Protein backbone atom coordinates (compact mmCIF):
# COMPACT_ATOMS: atom_id res chain seq x y z
CA UNK A 1 11.81 -1.77 -5.08
CA UNK A 2 12.10 1.82 -3.97
CA UNK A 3 10.03 4.76 -5.14
CA UNK A 4 13.04 6.02 -7.08
CA UNK A 5 13.41 2.68 -8.88
CA UNK A 6 9.71 2.66 -9.69
CA UNK A 7 9.91 6.24 -10.98
CA UNK A 8 12.90 5.31 -13.17
CA UNK A 9 10.97 2.35 -14.54
CA UNK A 10 7.99 4.60 -15.29
CA UNK A 11 10.23 6.99 -17.25
CA UNK A 12 12.00 4.26 -19.24
CA UNK A 13 11.67 4.80 -22.99
CA UNK A 14 9.18 2.63 -24.80
CA UNK A 15 9.75 0.63 -27.96
CA UNK A 16 7.17 0.56 -30.71
CA UNK A 17 5.74 -2.84 -31.52
CA UNK A 18 3.01 -3.77 -34.00
CA UNK A 19 0.40 -4.02 -31.23
CA UNK A 20 1.42 -1.14 -29.00
CA UNK A 21 4.35 0.12 -26.97
CA UNK A 22 6.48 -2.03 -24.69
CA UNK A 23 9.05 -1.43 -21.99
CA UNK A 24 11.76 -3.97 -21.27
CA UNK A 25 12.47 -4.79 -17.64
CA UNK A 26 14.83 -7.29 -16.11
CA UNK A 27 13.62 -10.36 -14.26
CA UNK A 28 14.85 -8.80 -10.99
CA UNK A 29 12.88 -5.62 -11.71
CA UNK A 30 9.79 -7.66 -12.55
CA UNK A 31 10.12 -9.69 -9.36
CA UNK A 32 10.59 -6.54 -7.27
CA UNK A 33 7.57 -4.92 -8.91
CA UNK A 34 5.40 -7.99 -8.29
CA UNK A 35 6.56 -8.15 -4.65
CA UNK A 36 5.77 -4.46 -4.20
CA UNK A 37 2.29 -4.88 -5.65
CA UNK A 38 1.59 -7.94 -3.51
CA UNK A 39 2.69 -6.14 -0.35
CA UNK A 40 0.51 -3.13 -1.16
CA UNK A 41 -2.49 -5.29 -2.03
CA UNK A 42 -2.09 -7.31 1.14
CA UNK A 43 -1.97 -4.15 3.27
CA UNK A 44 -5.01 -2.65 1.53
CA UNK A 45 -6.93 -5.92 1.75
CA UNK A 46 -6.37 -6.03 5.52
CA UNK A 47 -7.82 -2.55 5.92
CA UNK A 48 -10.67 -3.27 3.53
CA UNK A 49 -11.64 -6.41 5.43
CA UNK A 50 -11.99 -4.32 8.58
CA UNK A 51 -14.83 -2.32 7.05
CA UNK A 52 -17.27 -5.12 7.85
CA UNK A 53 -16.33 -4.68 11.52
CA UNK A 54 -17.26 -0.98 11.58
CA UNK A 55 -20.59 0.81 11.64
CA UNK A 56 -21.49 4.31 10.56
CA UNK A 57 -23.28 6.37 13.16
CA UNK A 58 -25.72 9.16 12.42
CA UNK A 59 -23.06 11.88 12.72
CA UNK A 60 -20.57 10.10 10.41
CA UNK A 61 -18.37 8.53 13.09
CA UNK A 62 -17.21 4.96 12.65
CA UNK A 63 -17.81 2.59 15.53
CA UNK A 64 -15.93 -0.63 16.16
CA UNK A 65 -16.44 -3.30 18.79
CA UNK A 66 -13.49 -3.77 21.14
CA UNK A 67 -12.49 -7.23 19.84
CA UNK A 68 -12.03 -5.78 16.34
CA UNK A 69 -9.76 -2.93 17.37
CA UNK A 70 -6.52 -4.99 17.58
CA UNK A 71 -7.26 -6.44 14.12
CA UNK A 72 -7.79 -2.95 12.72
CA UNK A 73 -4.64 -1.61 14.39
CA UNK A 74 -2.57 -4.50 12.98
CA UNK A 75 -3.97 -3.93 9.47
CA UNK A 76 -3.40 -0.19 9.76
CA UNK A 77 0.15 -0.71 11.02
CA UNK A 78 0.88 -2.98 8.04
CA UNK A 79 -0.36 -0.33 5.59
CA UNK A 80 1.61 2.43 7.36
CA UNK A 81 4.76 0.28 7.40
CA UNK A 82 4.44 -0.29 3.66
CA UNK A 83 3.97 3.41 2.92
CA UNK A 84 6.80 4.48 5.24
CA UNK A 85 9.21 1.98 3.70
CA UNK A 86 8.27 2.70 0.10
CA UNK A 87 7.49 6.37 0.03
CA UNK A 88 10.54 8.02 1.52
CA UNK A 89 8.31 10.86 2.76
CA UNK A 90 8.12 11.90 6.41
CA UNK A 91 6.86 8.90 8.36
CA UNK A 92 3.19 8.26 8.82
CA UNK A 93 2.22 7.58 12.40
CA UNK A 94 0.18 4.85 13.95
CA UNK A 95 -1.80 7.18 16.17
CA UNK A 96 -0.51 5.72 19.44
CA UNK A 97 2.52 8.03 19.86
CA UNK A 98 2.58 10.68 22.56
CA UNK A 99 2.00 14.18 21.21
């Protein structure tokens, strides 16, 4: 599901029901929305799990032991890939490109 498809879904008119408003979506739209959410959650979970491998220093820097760095970079890359694919905005960078 693209950002445009998600935006269209968000703007779809609602129908009044006795217990609130509803929006009808197709099975394909539902499946795409669930896949999108799972991909985003997976990417965020990977980054969140890395927090236990970092330490705050006195000046606010984050420190990470060398064995954890490849895990962090892989989790970060997964989150960036998701955002770049979904967002359609200028690409986010991994931080390892030459300036």
